[in-house]
Structures are given as C-alpha cells and as structure tokens.
Amino acid sequence: MGQARGERVEAAQTLAEQIEALLKSGSQPADGRSAKEIVSELTEKYGRLEEQQHELTEFDAIGLDEERLVTLQKGIQRFAALARFG
C-alpha cells in the first residue's frame, strides 16, 4: 500500500504542477485554444486533484498543502473571470 500511497502523492503533485503551468501560459495560449477551453481543462484537472486529495486523506497520507490548493483554486477562479470578461 506504501507504493500506491506514493503514487497518489506524486499524481496529486503532477496535477498541481499542470494546473500551475496552465495558469501561467493560459493568458497567452500558443496552441490556439480558446480561454473557454483552457478554463474547462483547468476545471477538469482541479476536480481530479480534489479526488486525489480525498483518496490521500482516506490513506492518512499527506497530500498537497491547503495553502497551495487555495492558491490554485483562486487562480482558476481569476482566470475564468478574466476569460469571461476579457
């Protein structure tokens, strides 16, 4: 079970890094995606991250720090607002 726990922690870290990268590059997408598509991807990834965090809690494993989660969530909300009105 230790390996599964480690894999879940790594998966949560990877999702958080992907979200952070999207938030950084999302304001100037080079791949032609619309802001709406990026918001959809951010939302999907954050939902998966929340699931990972929940699973880690069930295994009594330490996941992402709460402050990082809040920062990611606020970043996504800010990006979505800018996409809507931008």
Protein backbone atom coordinates (compact mmCIF):
# COMPACT_ATOMS: atom_id res chain seq x y z
CA MET A 1 0.00 0.00 0.00
CA GLY A 2 3.03 2.26 0.52
CA GLN A 3 3.71 2.32 -3.19
CA ALA A 4 0.10 3.15 -4.00
CA ARG A 5 0.22 5.98 -1.48
CA GLY A 6 3.43 7.32 -3.02
CA GLU A 7 1.93 7.12 -6.48
CA ARG A 8 -1.13 9.05 -5.34
CA VAL A 9 1.01 11.76 -3.76
CA GLU A 10 3.03 12.01 -6.97
CA ALA A 11 -0.15 12.14 -9.08
CA ALA A 12 -1.51 15.00 -6.94
CA GLN A 13 1.79 16.88 -7.26
CA THR A 14 1.76 16.38 -11.04
CA LEU A 15 -1.81 17.65 -11.36
CA ALA A 16 -0.98 20.73 -9.29
CA GLU A 17 2.06 21.42 -11.49
CA GLN A 18 -0.06 21.03 -14.64
CA ILE A 19 -2.64 23.48 -13.28
CA GLU A 20 0.09 25.97 -12.36
CA ALA A 21 1.60 25.68 -15.85
CA LEU A 22 -1.80 26.22 -17.49
CA LEU A 23 -2.44 29.26 -15.33
CA LYS A 24 0.93 30.72 -16.32
CA SER A 25 0.63 30.05 -20.04
CA GLY A 26 -3.14 30.29 -20.31
CA SER A 27 -3.27 34.05 -20.68
CA GLN A 28 -1.34 33.68 -23.95
CA PRO A 29 -2.16 30.26 -25.35
CA ALA A 30 0.29 29.37 -28.10
CA ASP A 31 -1.63 26.31 -29.24
CA GLY A 32 -4.72 28.14 -30.48
CA ARG A 33 -7.03 27.00 -27.69
CA SER A 34 -9.67 29.43 -26.54
CA ALA A 35 -9.79 30.72 -22.99
CA LYS A 36 -13.03 28.76 -22.56
CA GLU A 37 -11.23 25.51 -23.48
CA ILE A 38 -8.45 26.30 -21.01
CA VAL A 39 -10.99 27.02 -18.25
CA SER A 40 -12.61 23.67 -18.99
CA GLU A 41 -9.26 21.89 -18.76
CA LEU A 42 -8.36 23.71 -15.54
CA THR A 43 -11.70 22.76 -14.01
CA GLU A 44 -11.32 19.12 -15.01
CA LYS A 45 -7.77 18.91 -13.63
CA TYR A 46 -8.75 20.59 -10.37
CA GLY A 47 -11.64 18.15 -9.96
CA ARG A 48 -9.21 15.25 -10.38
CA LEU A 49 -6.85 16.92 -7.91
CA GLU A 50 -9.64 17.14 -5.33
CA GLU A 51 -10.34 13.43 -5.85
CA GLN A 52 -6.64 12.65 -5.33
CA GLN A 53 -6.61 14.71 -2.15
CA HIS A 54 -9.68 12.87 -0.86
CA GLU A 55 -8.04 9.50 -1.56
CA LEU A 56 -4.87 10.62 0.22
CA THR A 57 -6.92 11.61 3.25
CA GLU A 58 -8.50 8.14 3.28
CA PHE A 59 -4.99 6.62 3.33
CA ASP A 60 -3.89 9.01 6.08
CA ALA A 61 -1.26 10.35 3.68
CA ILE A 62 -0.16 13.92 3.46
CA GLY A 63 -1.23 15.47 0.18
CA LEU A 64 -0.82 18.99 -1.06
CA ASP A 65 -0.71 21.74 1.47
CA GLU A 66 -4.02 23.57 1.95
CA GLU A 67 -2.49 26.94 1.04
CA ARG A 68 -1.37 25.62 -2.34
CA LEU A 69 -4.85 24.24 -3.03
CA VAL A 70 -6.42 27.58 -2.15
CA THR A 71 -3.92 29.39 -4.39
CA LEU A 72 -4.73 27.07 -7.28
CA GLN A 73 -8.45 27.47 -6.77
CA LYS A 74 -8.21 31.27 -6.66
CA GLY A 75 -6.00 31.26 -9.74
CA ILE A 76 -8.57 29.22 -11.65
CA GLN A 77 -11.40 31.49 -10.50
CA ARG A 78 -9.44 34.58 -11.53
CA PHE A 79 -8.58 33.05 -14.91
CA ALA A 80 -12.22 32.09 -15.50
CA ALA A 81 -13.41 35.60 -14.63
CA LEU A 82 -10.87 37.17 -16.97
CA ALA A 83 -11.80 34.72 -19.72
CA ARG A 84 -15.46 35.57 -19.30
CA PHE A 85 -14.98 39.33 -19.41
CA GLY A 86 -11.78 39.53 -21.44
